[in-house]
């Protein structure tokens, strides 16, 4: 066991004085060397590039939401996929989702005149949800959020909370 060490009050006062005098001096802008200044600017430049990259990613995620013309939530029943053979159920579920969205969002698949046909995009999260229990056991139903933007692109997203 260690015994407590007796410290004189004078020694404590001396240590406190030393600590007070050893405070770092503030450096003015004129005292900073040009090299240090350039290094700081380079570091800030790298951080700005990183922030810009993050902004680009977030813009990509937000773009469909900014141009939303129509947004709907659906619970799509996939029970008919279970009628098909075991090894064909998940692909059948994907086809059911596509046909359901085409029907309910009134998507034109063929171009009328010079207009471009509307496109249907199924998000990766929806696909993973359909395939998460392998090809033999797709879910019995799935809750999705369907978004149609100004360009006519219909995107099927997984509803929040699923």
C-alpha atoms as a PDB file:
ATOM      1  CA  UNK A   1       0.000   0.000   0.000  1.00  0.00           C
ATOM      2  CA  UNK A   2       1.252   3.449  -0.843  1.00  0.00           C
ATOM      3  CA  UNK A   3       1.524   6.000   1.902  1.00  0.00           C
ATOM      4  CA  UNK A   4       0.252   9.539   1.319  1.00  0.00           C
ATOM      5  CA  UNK A   5       2.961  12.062   0.568  1.00  0.00           C
ATOM      6  CA  UNK A   6       3.055  15.285   2.582  1.00  0.00           C
ATOM      7  CA  UNK A   7       3.284  18.347   0.403  1.00  0.00           C
ATOM      8  CA  UNK A   8       4.100  21.754   1.808  1.00  0.00           C
ATOM      9  CA  UNK A   9       1.855  24.676   1.038  1.00  0.00           C
ATOM     10  CA  UNK A  10       4.842  26.558  -0.316  1.00  0.00           C
ATOM     11  CA  UNK A  11       5.530  23.850  -2.911  1.00  0.00           C
ATOM     12  CA  UNK A  12       1.872  23.933  -4.038  1.00  0.00           C
ATOM     13  CA  UNK A  13       1.996  27.708  -4.434  1.00  0.00           C
ATOM     14  CA  UNK A  14       5.198  27.470  -6.491  1.00  0.00           C
ATOM     15  CA  UNK A  15       3.621  24.845  -8.803  1.00  0.00           C
ATOM     16  CA  UNK A  16       0.538  27.020  -9.304  1.00  0.00           C
ATOM     17  CA  UNK A  17       2.714  30.024 -10.174  1.00  0.00           C
ATOM     18  CA  UNK A  18       4.659  27.958 -12.705  1.00  0.00           C
ATOM     19  CA  UNK A  19       1.438  26.733 -14.325  1.00  0.00           C
ATOM     20  CA  UNK A  20       0.152  30.298 -14.614  1.00  0.00           C
ATOM     21  CA  UNK A  21       3.357  31.568 -16.207  1.00  0.00           C
ATOM     22  CA  UNK A  22       3.541  28.675 -18.674  1.00  0.00           C
ATOM     23  CA  UNK A  23       0.316  29.630 -20.478  1.00  0.00           C
ATOM     24  CA  UNK A  24       0.859  29.754 -24.234  1.00  0.00           C
ATOM     25  CA  UNK A  25       1.150  33.159 -25.750  1.00  0.00           C
ATOM     26  CA  UNK A  26      -1.432  34.157 -28.318  1.00  0.00           C
ATOM     27  CA  UNK A  27      -0.018  34.302 -31.811  1.00  0.00           C
ATOM     28  CA  UNK A  28      -0.994  37.207 -33.975  1.00  0.00           C
ATOM     29  CA  UNK A  29      -1.684  36.816 -37.673  1.00  0.00           C
ATOM     30  CA  UNK A  30       1.492  38.661 -38.595  1.00  0.00           C
ATOM     31  CA  UNK A  31       3.662  36.185 -36.654  1.00  0.00           C
ATOM     32  CA  UNK A  32       2.344  33.130 -38.542  1.00  0.00           C
ATOM     33  CA  UNK A  33       4.801  32.140 -41.210  1.00  0.00           C
ATOM     34  CA  UNK A  34       3.752  32.006 -44.819  1.00  0.00           C
ATOM     35  CA  UNK A  35       4.484  28.272 -44.986  1.00  0.00           C
ATOM     36  CA  UNK A  36       2.109  27.509 -42.102  1.00  0.00           C
ATOM     37  CA  UNK A  37      -0.506  29.730 -43.713  1.00  0.00           C
ATOM     38  CA  UNK A  38      -0.233  27.845 -47.019  1.00  0.00           C
ATOM     39  CA  UNK A  39      -0.480  24.490 -45.221  1.00  0.00           C
ATOM     40  CA  UNK A  40      -3.643  25.615 -43.460  1.00  0.00           C
ATOM     41  CA  UNK A  41      -5.156  26.765 -46.756  1.00  0.00           C
ATOM     42  CA  UNK A  42      -4.354  23.399 -48.366  1.00  0.00           C
ATOM     43  CA  UNK A  43      -6.015  21.524 -45.487  1.00  0.00           C
ATOM     44  CA  UNK A  44      -9.085  23.740 -45.704  1.00  0.00           C
ATOM     45  CA  UNK A  45      -9.191  23.229 -49.475  1.00  0.00           C
ATOM     46  CA  UNK A  46      -9.211  19.446 -49.002  1.00  0.00           C
ATOM     47  CA  UNK A  47     -12.009  19.702 -46.444  1.00  0.00           C
ATOM     48  CA  UNK A  48     -14.044  21.898 -48.800  1.00  0.00           C
ATOM     49  CA  UNK A  49     -13.638  19.319 -51.574  1.00  0.00           C
ATOM     50  CA  UNK A  50     -14.892  16.628 -49.183  1.00  0.00           C
ATOM     51  CA  UNK A  51     -17.892  18.757 -48.224  1.00  0.00           C
ATOM     52  CA  UNK A  52     -18.650  19.407 -51.893  1.00  0.00           C
ATOM     53  CA  UNK A  53     -18.569  15.662 -52.585  1.00  0.00           C
ATOM     54  CA  UNK A  54     -21.024  15.075 -49.730  1.00  0.00           C
ATOM     55  CA  UNK A  55     -23.278  17.804 -51.091  1.00  0.00           C
ATOM     56  CA  UNK A  56     -23.242  16.177 -54.538  1.00  0.00           C
ATOM     57  CA  UNK A  57     -24.305  12.841 -53.047  1.00  0.00           C
ATOM     58  CA  UNK A  58     -27.061  14.460 -51.036  1.00  0.00           C
ATOM     59  CA  UNK A  59     -28.215  16.402 -54.119  1.00  0.00           C
ATOM     60  CA  UNK A  60     -28.548  13.141 -56.049  1.00  0.00           C
ATOM     61  CA  UNK A  61     -30.695  11.731 -53.281  1.00  0.00           C
ATOM     62  CA  UNK A  62     -32.810  14.882 -53.103  1.00  0.00           C
ATOM     63  CA  UNK A  63     -33.275  15.433 -56.850  1.00  0.00           C
ATOM     64  CA  UNK A  64     -36.215  13.036 -57.257  1.00  0.00           C
ATOM     65  CA  UNK A  65     -37.873  14.563 -54.191  1.00  0.00           C
ATOM     66  CA  UNK A  66     -37.518  18.118 -55.523  1.00  0.00           C
ATOM     67  CA  UNK A  67     -39.231  17.334 -58.831  1.00  0.00           C
ATOM     68  CA  UNK A  68     -42.049  15.245 -57.367  1.00  0.00           C
ATOM     69  CA  UNK A  69     -45.278  15.564 -59.294  1.00  0.00           C
ATOM     70  CA  UNK A  70     -47.100  12.729 -57.596  1.00  0.00           C
ATOM     71  CA  UNK A  71     -46.372  10.508 -54.598  1.00  0.00           C
ATOM     72  CA  UNK A  72     -48.453   7.587 -53.394  1.00  0.00           C
ATOM     73  CA  UNK A  73     -48.141   4.791 -50.848  1.00  0.00           C
ATOM     74  CA  UNK A  74     -49.303   1.290 -51.716  1.00  0.00           C
ATOM     75  CA  UNK A  75     -49.407  -2.087 -50.033  1.00  0.00           C
ATOM     76  CA  UNK A  76     -48.889  -4.516 -52.878  1.00  0.00           C
ATOM     77  CA  UNK A  77     -50.256  -8.039 -52.311  1.00  0.00           C
ATOM     78  CA  UNK A  78     -47.834 -10.709 -53.518  1.00  0.00           C
ATOM     79  CA  UNK A  79     -49.865 -13.794 -52.675  1.00  0.00           C
ATOM     80  CA  UNK A  80     -50.149 -14.792 -56.334  1.00  0.00           C
ATOM     81  CA  UNK A  81     -46.370 -15.244 -56.439  1.00  0.00           C
ATOM     82  CA  UNK A  82     -46.821 -18.190 -54.073  1.00  0.00           C
ATOM     83  CA  UNK A  83     -48.945 -20.028 -56.646  1.00  0.00           C
ATOM     84  CA  UNK A  84     -45.947 -20.449 -58.940  1.00  0.00           C
ATOM     85  CA  UNK A  85     -43.246 -23.094 -58.396  1.00  0.00           C
ATOM     86  CA  UNK A  86     -40.810 -22.555 -55.516  1.00  0.00           C
ATOM     87  CA  UNK A  87     -37.848 -21.556 -57.664  1.00  0.00           C
ATOM     88  CA  UNK A  88     -39.843 -18.900 -59.576  1.00  0.00           C
ATOM     89  CA  UNK A  89     -41.554 -17.019 -56.734  1.00  0.00           C
ATOM     90  CA  UNK A  90     -39.224 -14.030 -56.226  1.00  0.00           C
ATOM     91  CA  UNK A  91     -39.016 -13.194 -59.958  1.00  0.00           C
ATOM     92  CA  UNK A  92     -42.799 -13.489 -60.105  1.00  0.00           C
ATOM     93  CA  UNK A  93     -43.074 -11.091 -57.150  1.00  0.00           C
ATOM     94  CA  UNK A  94     -40.919  -8.533 -59.005  1.00  0.00           C
ATOM     95  CA  UNK A  95     -43.159  -8.820 -62.080  1.00  0.00           C
ATOM     96  CA  UNK A  96     -46.248  -8.370 -59.875  1.00  0.00           C
ATOM     97  CA  UNK A  97     -44.781  -5.179 -58.370  1.00  0.00           C
ATOM     98  CA  UNK A  98     -43.997  -3.810 -61.856  1.00  0.00           C
ATOM     99  CA  UNK A  99     -47.444  -4.553 -63.251  1.00  0.00           C
ATOM    100  CA  UNK A 100     -49.169  -3.143 -60.144  1.00  0.00           C
ATOM    101  CA  UNK A 101     -47.268   0.150 -60.366  1.00  0.00           C
ATOM    102  CA  UNK A 102     -47.766   0.432 -64.133  1.00  0.00           C
ATOM    103  CA  UNK A 103     -51.494  -0.016 -63.662  1.00  0.00           C
ATOM    104  CA  UNK A 104     -52.027   2.246 -60.654  1.00  0.00           C
ATOM    105  CA  UNK A 105     -49.699   5.094 -61.664  1.00  0.00           C
ATOM    106  CA  UNK A 106     -50.921   5.052 -65.293  1.00  0.00           C
ATOM    107  CA  UNK A 107     -47.441   4.781 -66.765  1.00  0.00           C
ATOM    108  CA  UNK A 108     -47.174   4.958 -70.529  1.00  0.00           C
ATOM    109  CA  UNK A 109     -44.718   2.360 -71.767  1.00  0.00           C
ATOM    110  CA  UNK A 110     -44.838   3.324 -75.441  1.00  0.00           C
ATOM    111  CA  UNK A 111     -44.066   6.732 -76.889  1.00  0.00           C
ATOM    112  CA  UNK A 112     -47.041   8.607 -78.246  1.00  0.00           C
ATOM    113  CA  UNK A 113     -45.838  10.835 -81.069  1.00  0.00           C
ATOM    114  CA  UNK A 114     -42.488  12.441 -80.304  1.00  0.00           C
ATOM    115  CA  UNK A 115     -42.742  12.213 -76.510  1.00  0.00           C
ATOM    116  CA  UNK A 116     -40.388   9.916 -74.652  1.00  0.00           C
ATOM    117  CA  UNK A 117     -41.948   6.914 -72.906  1.00  0.00           C
ATOM    118  CA  UNK A 118     -42.182   7.080 -69.136  1.00  0.00           C
ATOM    119  CA  UNK A 119     -39.795   4.860 -67.259  1.00  0.00           C
ATOM    120  CA  UNK A 120     -40.322   2.618 -64.257  1.00  0.00           C
ATOM    121  CA  UNK A 121     -37.442   2.294 -61.773  1.00  0.00           C
ATOM    122  CA  UNK A 122     -37.507  -0.138 -58.855  1.00  0.00           C
ATOM    123  CA  UNK A 123     -35.164   0.903 -56.045  1.00  0.00           C
ATOM    124  CA  UNK A 124     -32.507  -1.520 -54.774  1.00  0.00           C
ATOM    125  CA  UNK A 125     -34.078  -1.569 -51.310  1.00  0.00           C
ATOM    126  CA  UNK A 126     -37.354  -2.869 -52.737  1.00  0.00           C
ATOM    127  CA  UNK A 127     -35.506  -5.521 -54.714  1.00  0.00           C
ATOM    128  CA  UNK A 128     -33.527  -6.587 -51.636  1.00  0.00           C
ATOM    129  CA  UNK A 129     -36.735  -6.774 -49.615  1.00  0.00           C
ATOM    130  CA  UNK A 130     -38.303  -9.064 -52.253  1.00  0.00           C
ATOM    131  CA  UNK A 131     -35.215 -11.293 -52.368  1.00  0.00           C
ATOM    132  CA  UNK A 132     -34.113 -11.213 -48.700  1.00  0.00           C
ATOM    133  CA  UNK A 133     -35.492 -14.682 -47.895  1.00  0.00           C
ATOM    134  CA  UNK A 134     -34.210 -16.147 -51.173  1.00  0.00           C
ATOM    135  CA  UNK A 135     -36.043 -17.146 -54.336  1.00  0.00           C
ATOM    136  CA  UNK A 136     -38.438 -19.525 -52.602  1.00  0.00           C
ATOM    137  CA  UNK A 137     -39.952 -17.258 -49.926  1.00  0.00           C
ATOM    138  CA  UNK A 138     -40.780 -13.725 -51.065  1.00  0.00           C
ATOM    139  CA  UNK A 139     -42.936 -11.636 -48.687  1.00  0.00           C
ATOM    140  CA  UNK A 140     -46.729 -12.018 -48.843  1.00  0.00           C
ATOM    141  CA  UNK A 141     -47.109  -8.263 -49.347  1.00  0.00           C
ATOM    142  CA  UNK A 142     -44.871  -5.209 -49.485  1.00  0.00           C
ATOM    143  CA  UNK A 143     -45.411  -1.543 -48.553  1.00  0.00           C
ATOM    144  CA  UNK A 144     -43.948   0.867 -51.115  1.00  0.00           C
ATOM    145  CA  UNK A 145     -43.807   4.583 -51.870  1.00  0.00           C
ATOM    146  CA  UNK A 146     -44.233   5.376 -55.549  1.00  0.00           C
ATOM    147  CA  UNK A 147     -42.927   8.724 -56.800  1.00  0.00           C
ATOM    148  CA  UNK A 148     -43.525  10.262 -60.219  1.00  0.00           C
ATOM    149  CA  UNK A 149     -41.321  13.204 -61.234  1.00  0.00           C
ATOM    150  CA  UNK A 150     -41.655  15.923 -63.874  1.00  0.00           C
ATOM    151  CA  UNK A 151     -39.833  13.885 -66.505  1.00  0.00           C
ATOM    152  CA  UNK A 152     -42.307  11.032 -66.159  1.00  0.00           C
ATOM    153  CA  UNK A 153     -39.916   8.677 -64.371  1.00  0.00           C
ATOM    154  CA  UNK A 154     -41.774   6.539 -61.842  1.00  0.00           C
ATOM    155  CA  UNK A 155     -39.625   5.314 -58.937  1.00  0.00           C
ATOM    156  CA  UNK A 156     -40.701   2.565 -56.561  1.00  0.00           C
ATOM    157  CA  UNK A 157     -39.159   3.076 -53.098  1.00  0.00           C
ATOM    158  CA  UNK A 158     -39.553   1.100 -49.905  1.00  0.00           C
ATOM    159  CA  UNK A 159     -41.942   2.863 -47.519  1.00  0.00           C
ATOM    160  CA  UNK A 160     -40.281   4.228 -44.386  1.00  0.00           C
ATOM    161  CA  UNK A 161     -40.311   1.882 -41.439  1.00  0.00           C
ATOM    162  CA  UNK A 162     -40.093  -1.253 -43.580  1.00  0.00           C
END
